[in-house]
All heavy atoms as atom14 arrays in JSON, in Angstrom:
{
  "sequence": "MLGASSDALLIIAGAMLLLGPLAWGFVRQTRGIPAFDNNLAAWRLP",
  "atom14_mask": [
    [1, 1, 1, 1, 1, 1, 1, 1, 0, 0, 0, 0, 0, 0],
    [1, 1, 1, 1, 1, 1, 1, 1, 0, 0, 0, 0, 0, 0],
    [1, 1, 1, 1, 0, 0, 0, 0, 0, 0, 0, 0, 0, 0],
    [1, 1, 1, 1, 1, 0, 0, 0, 0, 0, 0, 0, 0, 0],
    [1, 1, 1, 1, 1, 1, 0, 0, 0, 0, 0, 0, 0, 0],
    [1, 1, 1, 1, 1, 1, 0, 0, 0, 0, 0, 0, 0, 0],
    [1, 1, 1, 1, 1, 1, 1, 1, 0, 0, 0, 0, 0, 0],
    [1, 1, 1, 1, 1, 0, 0, 0, 0, 0, 0, 0, 0, 0],
    [1, 1, 1, 1, 1, 1, 1, 1, 0, 0, 0, 0, 0, 0],
    [1, 1, 1, 1, 1, 1, 1, 1, 0, 0, 0, 0, 0, 0],
    [1, 1, 1, 1, 1, 1, 1, 1, 0, 0, 0, 0, 0, 0],
    [1, 1, 1, 1, 1, 1, 1, 1, 0, 0, 0, 0, 0, 0],
    [1, 1, 1, 1, 1, 0, 0, 0, 0, 0, 0, 0, 0, 0],
    [1, 1, 1, 1, 0, 0, 0, 0, 0, 0, 0, 0, 0, 0],
    [1, 1, 1, 1, 1, 0, 0, 0, 0, 0, 0, 0, 0, 0],
    [1, 1, 1, 1, 1, 1, 1, 1, 0, 0, 0, 0, 0, 0],
    [1, 1, 1, 1, 1, 1, 1, 1, 0, 0, 0, 0, 0, 0],
    [1, 1, 1, 1, 1, 1, 1, 1, 0, 0, 0, 0, 0, 0],
    [1, 1, 1, 1, 1, 1, 1, 1, 0, 0, 0, 0, 0, 0],
    [1, 1, 1, 1, 0, 0, 0, 0, 0, 0, 0, 0, 0, 0],
    [1, 1, 1, 1, 1, 1, 1, 0, 0, 0, 0, 0, 0, 0],
    [1, 1, 1, 1, 1, 1, 1, 1, 0, 0, 0, 0, 0, 0],
    [1, 1, 1, 1, 1, 0, 0, 0, 0, 0, 0, 0, 0, 0],
    [1, 1, 1, 1, 1, 1, 1, 1, 1, 1, 1, 1, 1, 1],
    [1, 1, 1, 1, 0, 0, 0, 0, 0, 0, 0, 0, 0, 0],
    [1, 1, 1, 1, 1, 1, 1, 1, 1, 1, 1, 0, 0, 0],
    [1, 1, 1, 1, 1, 1, 1, 0, 0, 0, 0, 0, 0, 0],
    [1, 1, 1, 1, 1, 1, 1, 1, 1, 1, 1, 0, 0, 0],
    [1, 1, 1, 1, 1, 1, 1, 1, 1, 0, 0, 0, 0, 0],
    [1, 1, 1, 1, 1, 1, 1, 0, 0, 0, 0, 0, 0, 0],
    [1, 1, 1, 1, 1, 1, 1, 1, 1, 1, 1, 0, 0, 0],
    [1, 1, 1, 1, 0, 0, 0, 0, 0, 0, 0, 0, 0, 0],
    [1, 1, 1, 1, 1, 1, 1, 1, 0, 0, 0, 0, 0, 0],
    [1, 1, 1, 1, 1, 1, 1, 0, 0, 0, 0, 0, 0, 0],
    [1, 1, 1, 1, 1, 0, 0, 0, 0, 0, 0, 0, 0, 0],
    [1, 1, 1, 1, 1, 1, 1, 1, 1, 1, 1, 0, 0, 0],
    [1, 1, 1, 1, 1, 1, 1, 1, 0, 0, 0, 0, 0, 0],
    [1, 1, 1, 1, 1, 1, 1, 1, 0, 0, 0, 0, 0, 0],
    [1, 1, 1, 1, 1, 1, 1, 1, 0, 0, 0, 0, 0, 0],
    [1, 1, 1, 1, 1, 1, 1, 1, 0, 0, 0, 0, 0, 0],
    [1, 1, 1, 1, 1, 0, 0, 0, 0, 0, 0, 0, 0, 0],
    [1, 1, 1, 1, 1, 0, 0, 0, 0, 0, 0, 0, 0, 0],
    [1, 1, 1, 1, 1, 1, 1, 1, 1, 1, 1, 1, 1, 1],
    [1, 1, 1, 1, 1, 1, 1, 1, 1, 1, 1, 0, 0, 0],
    [1, 1, 1, 1, 1, 1, 1, 1, 0, 0, 0, 0, 0, 0],
    [1, 1, 1, 1, 1, 1, 1, 0, 0, 0, 0, 0, 0, 0]
  ],
  "atom14_positions": [
    [[0.82, -1.23, -0.01], [0.0, -0.04, 0.02], [0.85, 1.26, 0.01], [0.47, 2.32, -0.53], [-0.96, 0.02, 1.23], [-1.96, -1.07, 1.28], [-3.18, -1.01, -0.09], [-2.6, -2.41, -1.09], [0.0, 0.0, 0.0], [0.0, 0.0, 0.0], [0.0, 0.0, 0.0], [0.0, 0.0, 0.0], [0.0, 0.0, 0.0], [0.0, 0.0, 0.0]],
    [[2.04, 1.17, 0.59], [2.95, 2.3, 0.64], [3.87, 2.43, -0.58], [4.74, 3.24, -0.58], [3.78, 2.23, 1.94], [2.99, 2.42, 3.24], [3.93, 2.2, 4.45], [2.36, 3.75, 3.36], [0.0, 0.0, 0.0], [0.0, 0.0, 0.0], [0.0, 0.0, 0.0], [0.0, 0.0, 0.0], [0.0, 0.0, 0.0], [0.0, 0.0, 0.0]],
    [[3.66, 1.58, -1.56], [4.37, 1.67, -2.84], [5.61, 0.83, -2.96], [6.46, 1.1, -3.87], [0.0, 0.0, 0.0], [0.0, 0.0, 0.0], [0.0, 0.0, 0.0], [0.0, 0.0, 0.0], [0.0, 0.0, 0.0], [0.0, 0.0, 0.0], [0.0, 0.0, 0.0], [0.0, 0.0, 0.0], [0.0, 0.0, 0.0], [0.0, 0.0, 0.0]],
    [[5.82, -0.18, -2.11], [6.98, -1.03, -2.23], [6.99, -1.78, -3.57], [5.93, -2.2, -4.02], [7.09, -2.0, -1.04], [0.0, 0.0, 0.0], [0.0, 0.0, 0.0], [0.0, 0.0, 0.0], [0.0, 0.0, 0.0], [0.0, 0.0, 0.0], [0.0, 0.0, 0.0], [0.0, 0.0, 0.0], [0.0, 0.0, 0.0], [0.0, 0.0, 0.0]],
    [[8.14, -1.94, -4.13], [8.24, -2.68, -5.4], [8.13, -4.18, -5.22], [8.17, -4.68, -4.04], [9.56, -2.34, -6.09], [10.67, -2.88, -5.27], [0.0, 0.0, 0.0], [0.0, 0.0, 0.0], [0.0, 0.0, 0.0], [0.0, 0.0, 0.0], [0.0, 0.0, 0.0], [0.0, 0.0, 0.0], [0.0, 0.0, 0.0], [0.0, 0.0, 0.0]],
    [[7.96, -4.91, -6.25], [7.86, -6.39, -6.19], [9.15, -6.99, -5.6], [9.1, -7.9, -4.79], [7.59, -7.0, -7.57], [6.35, -6.51, -8.07], [0.0, 0.0, 0.0], [0.0, 0.0, 0.0], [0.0, 0.0, 0.0], [0.0, 0.0, 0.0], [0.0, 0.0, 0.0], [0.0, 0.0, 0.0], [0.0, 0.0, 0.0], [0.0, 0.0, 0.0]],
    [[10.28, -6.44, -5.98], [11.56, -6.95, -5.47], [11.63, -6.68, -3.97], [12.1, -7.58, -3.21], [12.71, -6.23, -6.18], [12.89, -6.66, -7.6], [12.37, -7.73, -7.96], [13.51, -5.89, -8.37], [0.0, 0.0, 0.0], [0.0, 0.0, 0.0], [0.0, 0.0, 0.0], [0.0, 0.0, 0.0], [0.0, 0.0, 0.0], [0.0, 0.0, 0.0]],
    [[11.2, -5.5, -3.52], [11.21, -5.21, -2.1], [10.29, -6.11, -1.32], [10.6, -6.61, -0.2], [10.85, -3.78, -1.85], [0.0, 0.0, 0.0], [0.0, 0.0, 0.0], [0.0, 0.0, 0.0], [0.0, 0.0, 0.0], [0.0, 0.0, 0.0], [0.0, 0.0, 0.0], [0.0, 0.0, 0.0], [0.0, 0.0, 0.0], [0.0, 0.0, 0.0]],
    [[9.15, -6.43, -1.88], [8.18, -7.33, -1.25], [8.75, -8.74, -1.08], [8.58, -9.41, -0.07], [6.89, -7.38, -2.01], [6.0, -6.12, -2.0], [4.81, -6.28, -2.91], [5.62, -5.78, -0.57], [0.0, 0.0, 0.0], [0.0, 0.0, 0.0], [0.0, 0.0, 0.0], [0.0, 0.0, 0.0], [0.0, 0.0, 0.0], [0.0, 0.0, 0.0]],
    [[9.48, -9.17, -2.14], [10.14, -10.53, -2.07], [11.23, -10.58, -0.94], [11.35, -11.56, -0.26], [10.73, -10.88, -3.42], [9.75, -11.24, -4.54], [10.51, -11.44, -5.91], [8.97, -12.48, -4.17], [0.0, 0.0, 0.0], [0.0, 0.0, 0.0], [0.0, 0.0, 0.0], [0.0, 0.0, 0.0], [0.0, 0.0, 0.0], [0.0, 0.0, 0.0]],
    [[12.0, -9.48, -0.89], [12.99, -9.38, 0.18], [12.39, -9.42, 1.59], [12.83, -10.14, 2.49], [13.87, -8.12, -0.04], [14.67, -8.26, -1.3], [14.76, -7.97, 1.2], [15.42, -7.0, -1.65], [0.0, 0.0, 0.0], [0.0, 0.0, 0.0], [0.0, 0.0, 0.0], [0.0, 0.0, 0.0], [0.0, 0.0, 0.0], [0.0, 0.0, 0.0]],
    [[11.28, -8.65, 1.72], [10.57, -8.6, 3.01], [10.0, -9.95, 3.35], [10.17, -10.46, 4.5], [9.42, -7.57, 2.93], [10.02, -6.15, 2.86], [8.58, -7.68, 4.23], [8.95, -5.1, 2.61], [0.0, 0.0, 0.0], [0.0, 0.0, 0.0], [0.0, 0.0, 0.0], [0.0, 0.0, 0.0], [0.0, 0.0, 0.0], [0.0, 0.0, 0.0]],
    [[9.35, -10.65, 2.41], [8.79, -11.95, 2.63], [9.86, -12.95, 2.99], [9.73, -13.72, 3.96], [7.98, -12.4, 1.43], [0.0, 0.0, 0.0], [0.0, 0.0, 0.0], [0.0, 0.0, 0.0], [0.0, 0.0, 0.0], [0.0, 0.0, 0.0], [0.0, 0.0, 0.0], [0.0, 0.0, 0.0], [0.0, 0.0, 0.0], [0.0, 0.0, 0.0]],
    [[10.96, -12.96, 2.22], [12.03, -13.89, 2.48], [12.68, -13.67, 3.82], [12.95, -14.63, 4.57], [0.0, 0.0, 0.0], [0.0, 0.0, 0.0], [0.0, 0.0, 0.0], [0.0, 0.0, 0.0], [0.0, 0.0, 0.0], [0.0, 0.0, 0.0], [0.0, 0.0, 0.0], [0.0, 0.0, 0.0], [0.0, 0.0, 0.0], [0.0, 0.0, 0.0]],
    [[12.89, -12.39, 4.19], [13.49, -12.11, 5.48], [12.61, -12.58, 6.63], [13.07, -13.14, 7.61], [13.77, -10.6, 5.58], [0.0, 0.0, 0.0], [0.0, 0.0, 0.0], [0.0, 0.0, 0.0], [0.0, 0.0, 0.0], [0.0, 0.0, 0.0], [0.0, 0.0, 0.0], [0.0, 0.0, 0.0], [0.0, 0.0, 0.0], [0.0, 0.0, 0.0]],
    [[11.28, -12.36, 6.52], [10.39, -12.71, 7.56], [10.27, -14.24, 7.68], [10.17, -14.81, 8.8], [9.01, -12.08, 7.38], [9.01, -10.61, 7.47], [7.4, -9.8, 7.47], [6.82, -10.24, 9.13], [0.0, 0.0, 0.0], [0.0, 0.0, 0.0], [0.0, 0.0, 0.0], [0.0, 0.0, 0.0], [0.0, 0.0, 0.0], [0.0, 0.0, 0.0]],
    [[10.26, -14.93, 6.58], [10.14, -16.37, 6.59], [11.38, -17.04, 7.11], [11.31, -18.02, 7.79], [9.81, -16.9, 5.16], [8.4, -16.66, 4.62], [8.34, -17.02, 3.14], [7.37, -17.42, 5.44], [0.0, 0.0, 0.0], [0.0, 0.0, 0.0], [0.0, 0.0, 0.0], [0.0, 0.0, 0.0], [0.0, 0.0, 0.0], [0.0, 0.0, 0.0]],
    [[12.55, -16.44, 6.77], [13.82, -17.03, 7.21], [14.25, -16.62, 8.62], [14.65, -17.43, 9.44], [14.91, -16.74, 6.19], [14.79, -17.33, 4.84], [15.86, -16.79, 3.91], [14.83, -18.85, 4.87], [0.0, 0.0, 0.0], [0.0, 0.0, 0.0], [0.0, 0.0, 0.0], [0.0, 0.0, 0.0], [0.0, 0.0, 0.0], [0.0, 0.0, 0.0]],
    [[14.13, -15.27, 8.85], [14.61, -14.72, 10.11], [13.54, -14.79, 11.23], [13.88, -14.76, 12.41], [15.09, -13.31, 9.92], [16.23, -13.16, 8.92], [16.65, -11.66, 8.77], [17.46, -14.01, 9.32], [0.0, 0.0, 0.0], [0.0, 0.0, 0.0], [0.0, 0.0, 0.0], [0.0, 0.0, 0.0], [0.0, 0.0, 0.0], [0.0, 0.0, 0.0]],
    [[12.27, -14.75, 10.8], [11.16, -14.74, 11.77], [11.24, -15.91, 12.74], [11.2, -15.69, 13.97], [0.0, 0.0, 0.0], [0.0, 0.0, 0.0], [0.0, 0.0, 0.0], [0.0, 0.0, 0.0], [0.0, 0.0, 0.0], [0.0, 0.0, 0.0], [0.0, 0.0, 0.0], [0.0, 0.0, 0.0], [0.0, 0.0, 0.0], [0.0, 0.0, 0.0]],
    [[11.31, -17.14, 12.26], [11.41, -18.27, 13.18], [12.64, -18.21, 14.11], [12.58, -18.58, 15.23], [11.51, -19.48, 12.23], [10.78, -19.0, 10.97], [11.2, -17.57, 10.85], [0.0, 0.0, 0.0], [0.0, 0.0, 0.0], [0.0, 0.0, 0.0], [0.0, 0.0, 0.0], [0.0, 0.0, 0.0], [0.0, 0.0, 0.0], [0.0, 0.0, 0.0]],
    [[13.75, -17.7, 13.56], [14.97, -17.6, 14.4], [14.69, -16.57, 15.5], [15.1, -16.79, 16.67], [16.14, -17.16, 13.53], [16.6, -18.23, 12.42], [17.77, -17.63, 11.62], [17.0, -19.54, 13.12], [0.0, 0.0, 0.0], [0.0, 0.0, 0.0], [0.0, 0.0, 0.0], [0.0, 0.0, 0.0], [0.0, 0.0, 0.0], [0.0, 0.0, 0.0]],
    [[14.13, -15.44, 15.15], [13.87, -14.44, 16.15], [12.91, -14.9, 17.21], [13.07, -14.73, 18.39], [13.35, -13.18, 15.5], [0.0, 0.0, 0.0], [0.0, 0.0, 0.0], [0.0, 0.0, 0.0], [0.0, 0.0, 0.0], [0.0, 0.0, 0.0], [0.0, 0.0, 0.0], [0.0, 0.0, 0.0], [0.0, 0.0, 0.0], [0.0, 0.0, 0.0]],
    [[11.9, -15.62, 16.77], [10.89, -16.21, 17.68], [11.49, -17.24, 18.6], [11.21, -17.36, 19.78], [9.69, -16.74, 16.96], [8.59, -17.27, 17.83], [8.18, -18.55, 17.96], [7.76, -16.51, 18.73], [7.13, -18.65, 18.85], [6.88, -17.41, 19.37], [7.72, -15.17, 19.07], [5.91, -16.99, 20.31], [6.77, -14.72, 20.02], [5.88, -15.67, 20.58]],
    [[12.41, -18.05, 18.0], [13.16, -19.03, 18.81], [13.97, -18.4, 19.89], [14.06, -18.89, 21.04], [0.0, 0.0, 0.0], [0.0, 0.0, 0.0], [0.0, 0.0, 0.0], [0.0, 0.0, 0.0], [0.0, 0.0, 0.0], [0.0, 0.0, 0.0], [0.0, 0.0, 0.0], [0.0, 0.0, 0.0], [0.0, 0.0, 0.0], [0.0, 0.0, 0.0]],
    [[14.6, -17.31, 19.54], [15.42, -16.57, 20.53], [14.55, -16.04, 21.65], [14.92, -16.11, 22.79], [16.16, -15.44, 19.81], [16.94, -14.54, 20.8], [18.11, -14.95, 21.34], [16.4, -13.27, 21.17], [18.82, -14.12, 22.24], [17.07, -12.45, 22.04], [18.28, -12.86, 22.58], [0.0, 0.0, 0.0], [0.0, 0.0, 0.0], [0.0, 0.0, 0.0]],
    [[13.37, -15.52, 21.29], [12.42, -14.95, 22.32], [12.02, -16.1, 23.22], [11.95, -15.94, 24.45], [11.23, -14.3, 21.65], [10.17, -14.01, 22.69], [11.65, -13.02, 20.93], [0.0, 0.0, 0.0], [0.0, 0.0, 0.0], [0.0, 0.0, 0.0], [0.0, 0.0, 0.0], [0.0, 0.0, 0.0], [0.0, 0.0, 0.0], [0.0, 0.0, 0.0]],
    [[11.72, -17.28, 22.65], [11.29, -18.43, 23.49], [12.42, -18.82, 24.47], [12.17, -19.17, 25.61], [10.95, -19.61, 22.55], [9.61, -19.45, 21.84], [9.46, -20.52, 20.82], [9.59, -21.85, 21.34], [8.59, -22.57, 21.89], [7.38, -22.06, 21.94], [8.81, -23.8, 22.3], [0.0, 0.0, 0.0], [0.0, 0.0, 0.0], [0.0, 0.0, 0.0]],
    [[13.65, -18.79, 23.98], [14.78, -19.16, 24.85], [14.93, -18.18, 25.98], [15.29, -18.54, 27.11], [16.11, -19.17, 24.02], [16.21, -20.45, 23.2], [17.57, -20.56, 22.52], [18.09, -19.51, 22.04], [18.15, -21.72, 22.48], [0.0, 0.0, 0.0], [0.0, 0.0, 0.0], [0.0, 0.0, 0.0], [0.0, 0.0, 0.0], [0.0, 0.0, 0.0]],
    [[14.63, -16.88, 25.78], [14.74, -15.87, 26.82], [13.69, -16.13, 27.89], [13.82, -15.65, 29.01], [14.59, -14.46, 26.3], [13.27, -14.28, 25.71], [15.66, -14.13, 25.24], [0.0, 0.0, 0.0], [0.0, 0.0, 0.0], [0.0, 0.0, 0.0], [0.0, 0.0, 0.0], [0.0, 0.0, 0.0], [0.0, 0.0, 0.0], [0.0, 0.0, 0.0]],
    [[12.61, -16.88, 27.49], [11.59, -17.2, 28.48], [11.78, -18.58, 29.13], [10.93, -19.07, 29.8], [10.18, -17.13, 27.86], [9.82, -15.83, 27.17], [9.94, -14.63, 28.11], [9.14, -14.8, 29.31], [9.05, -13.95, 30.3], [9.8, -12.86, 30.29], [8.28, -14.18, 31.32], [0.0, 0.0, 0.0], [0.0, 0.0, 0.0], [0.0, 0.0, 0.0]],
    [[12.98, -19.21, 28.84], [13.3, -20.43, 29.45], [12.69, -21.69, 28.86], [12.61, -22.73, 29.48], [0.0, 0.0, 0.0], [0.0, 0.0, 0.0], [0.0, 0.0, 0.0], [0.0, 0.0, 0.0], [0.0, 0.0, 0.0], [0.0, 0.0, 0.0], [0.0, 0.0, 0.0], [0.0, 0.0, 0.0], [0.0, 0.0, 0.0], [0.0, 0.0, 0.0]],
    [[12.27, -21.61, 27.58], [11.74, -22.82, 26.92], [12.52, -23.02, 25.63], [13.2, -22.09, 25.12], [10.24, -22.62, 26.6], [9.99, -21.4, 25.73], [9.42, -22.57, 27.89], [8.55, -21.19, 25.3], [0.0, 0.0, 0.0], [0.0, 0.0, 0.0], [0.0, 0.0, 0.0], [0.0, 0.0, 0.0], [0.0, 0.0, 0.0], [0.0, 0.0, 0.0]],
    [[12.47, -24.26, 25.04], [13.25, -24.53, 23.85], [12.92, -23.63, 22.68], [11.77, -23.17, 22.56], [12.89, -25.99, 23.53], [12.45, -26.57, 24.83], [11.78, -25.43, 25.54], [0.0, 0.0, 0.0], [0.0, 0.0, 0.0], [0.0, 0.0, 0.0], [0.0, 0.0, 0.0], [0.0, 0.0, 0.0], [0.0, 0.0, 0.0], [0.0, 0.0, 0.0]],
    [[13.89, -23.33, 21.88], [13.65, -22.42, 20.76], [12.66, -22.98, 19.71], [11.8, -22.26, 19.22], [15.01, -22.12, 20.06], [0.0, 0.0, 0.0], [0.0, 0.0, 0.0], [0.0, 0.0, 0.0], [0.0, 0.0, 0.0], [0.0, 0.0, 0.0], [0.0, 0.0, 0.0], [0.0, 0.0, 0.0], [0.0, 0.0, 0.0], [0.0, 0.0, 0.0]],
    [[12.8, -24.25, 19.46], [11.9, -24.89, 18.46], [11.42, -26.21, 19.0], [12.18, -27.13, 19.22], [12.7, -25.15, 17.14], [13.33, -23.9, 16.63], [14.71, -23.7, 16.75], [12.54, -22.99, 15.91], [15.3, -22.56, 16.23], [13.16, -21.81, 15.39], [14.53, -21.61, 15.58], [0.0, 0.0, 0.0], [0.0, 0.0, 0.0], [0.0, 0.0, 0.0]],
    [[10.09, -26.23, 19.18], [9.43, -27.51, 19.51], [7.99, -27.39, 19.1], [7.55, -26.42, 18.55], [9.61, -27.92, 20.99], [8.95, -26.98, 21.94], [8.1, -26.14, 21.48], [9.24, -27.04, 23.12], [0.0, 0.0, 0.0], [0.0, 0.0, 0.0], [0.0, 0.0, 0.0], [0.0, 0.0, 0.0], [0.0, 0.0, 0.0], [0.0, 0.0, 0.0]],
    [[7.25, -28.44, 19.4], [5.82, -28.49, 19.0], [4.9, -28.27, 20.2], [3.74, -28.66, 20.18], [5.47, -29.84, 18.35], [6.18, -30.08, 17.05], [6.3, -29.17, 16.26], [6.71, -31.28, 16.86], [0.0, 0.0, 0.0], [0.0, 0.0, 0.0], [0.0, 0.0, 0.0], [0.0, 0.0, 0.0], [0.0, 0.0, 0.0], [0.0, 0.0, 0.0]],
    [[5.41, -27.61, 21.23], [4.6, -27.35, 22.41], [3.72, -26.18, 22.22], [4.04, -25.0, 22.53], [5.49, -27.11, 23.64], [4.67, -26.91, 24.87], [3.47, -27.24, 24.9], [5.31, -26.43, 25.92], [0.0, 0.0, 0.0], [0.0, 0.0, 0.0], [0.0, 0.0, 0.0], [0.0, 0.0, 0.0], [0.0, 0.0, 0.0], [0.0, 0.0, 0.0]],
    [[2.55, -26.38, 21.57], [1.64, -25.27, 21.25], [1.12, -24.58, 22.49], [0.7, -23.48, 22.44], [0.51, -25.81, 20.4], [0.85, -26.35, 19.03], [-0.37, -26.82, 18.29], [1.66, -25.32, 18.17], [0.0, 0.0, 0.0], [0.0, 0.0, 0.0], [0.0, 0.0, 0.0], [0.0, 0.0, 0.0], [0.0, 0.0, 0.0], [0.0, 0.0, 0.0]],
    [[1.14, -25.31, 23.57], [0.56, -24.68, 24.86], [1.37, -23.49, 25.27], [0.89, -22.63, 25.95], [0.58, -25.75, 25.93], [0.0, 0.0, 0.0], [0.0, 0.0, 0.0], [0.0, 0.0, 0.0], [0.0, 0.0, 0.0], [0.0, 0.0, 0.0], [0.0, 0.0, 0.0], [0.0, 0.0, 0.0], [0.0, 0.0, 0.0], [0.0, 0.0, 0.0]],
    [[2.65, -23.43, 24.81], [3.47, -22.25, 25.2], [3.21, -21.05, 24.3], [3.78, -20.02, 24.53], [4.98, -22.65, 25.11], [0.0, 0.0, 0.0], [0.0, 0.0, 0.0], [0.0, 0.0, 0.0], [0.0, 0.0, 0.0], [0.0, 0.0, 0.0], [0.0, 0.0, 0.0], [0.0, 0.0, 0.0], [0.0, 0.0, 0.0], [0.0, 0.0, 0.0]],
    [[2.4, -21.25, 23.25], [2.15, -20.16, 22.35], [0.81, -19.47, 22.51], [0.43, -18.62, 21.78], [2.23, -20.66, 20.9], [3.57, -21.12, 20.52], [4.73, -20.89, 21.2], [3.91, -21.91, 19.38], [5.79, -21.49, 20.58], [5.27, -22.1, 19.43], [3.2, -22.39, 18.31], [5.96, -22.78, 18.45], [3.86, -23.12, 17.37], [5.23, -23.34, 17.42]],
    [[-0.03, -20.01, 23.44], [-1.39, -19.41, 23.56], [-1.75, -19.34, 25.04], [-1.24, -20.05, 25.87], [-2.38, -20.25, 22.78], [-2.44, -21.68, 23.22], [-3.37, -22.47, 22.29], [-4.73, -21.92, 22.36], [-5.72, -22.42, 21.66], [-5.58, -23.46, 20.85], [-6.92, -21.89, 21.77], [0.0, 0.0, 0.0], [0.0, 0.0, 0.0], [0.0, 0.0, 0.0]],
    [[-2.71, -18.5, 25.33], [-3.21, -18.38, 26.64], [-4.03, -19.6, 27.02], [-4.74, -20.11, 26.16], [-4.14, -17.14, 26.76], [-3.41, -15.77, 26.83], [-4.44, -14.71, 26.72], [-2.64, -15.64, 28.12], [0.0, 0.0, 0.0], [0.0, 0.0, 0.0], [0.0, 0.0, 0.0], [0.0, 0.0, 0.0], [0.0, 0.0, 0.0], [0.0, 0.0, 0.0]],
    [[-3.91, -20.09, 28.26], [-4.75, -21.23, 28.61], [-6.2, -20.84, 28.69], [-6.56, -19.74, 29.08], [-4.22, -21.57, 30.04], [-3.64, -20.24, 30.54], [-3.05, -19.59, 29.33], [0.0, 0.0, 0.0], [0.0, 0.0, 0.0], [0.0, 0.0, 0.0], [0.0, 0.0, 0.0], [0.0, 0.0, 0.0], [0.0, 0.0, 0.0], [0.0, 0.0, 0.0]]
  ]
}
């Protein structure tokens, strides 16, 4: 909507898909849980 080019959108999408999980894993580790696992209970309110 702000006028980003197709190349810029591809870079944004790629960065979020590749770096997003790593960043989220780091956040999980700071909370004392494994960076990557299938424990969905840790991702939502009970």
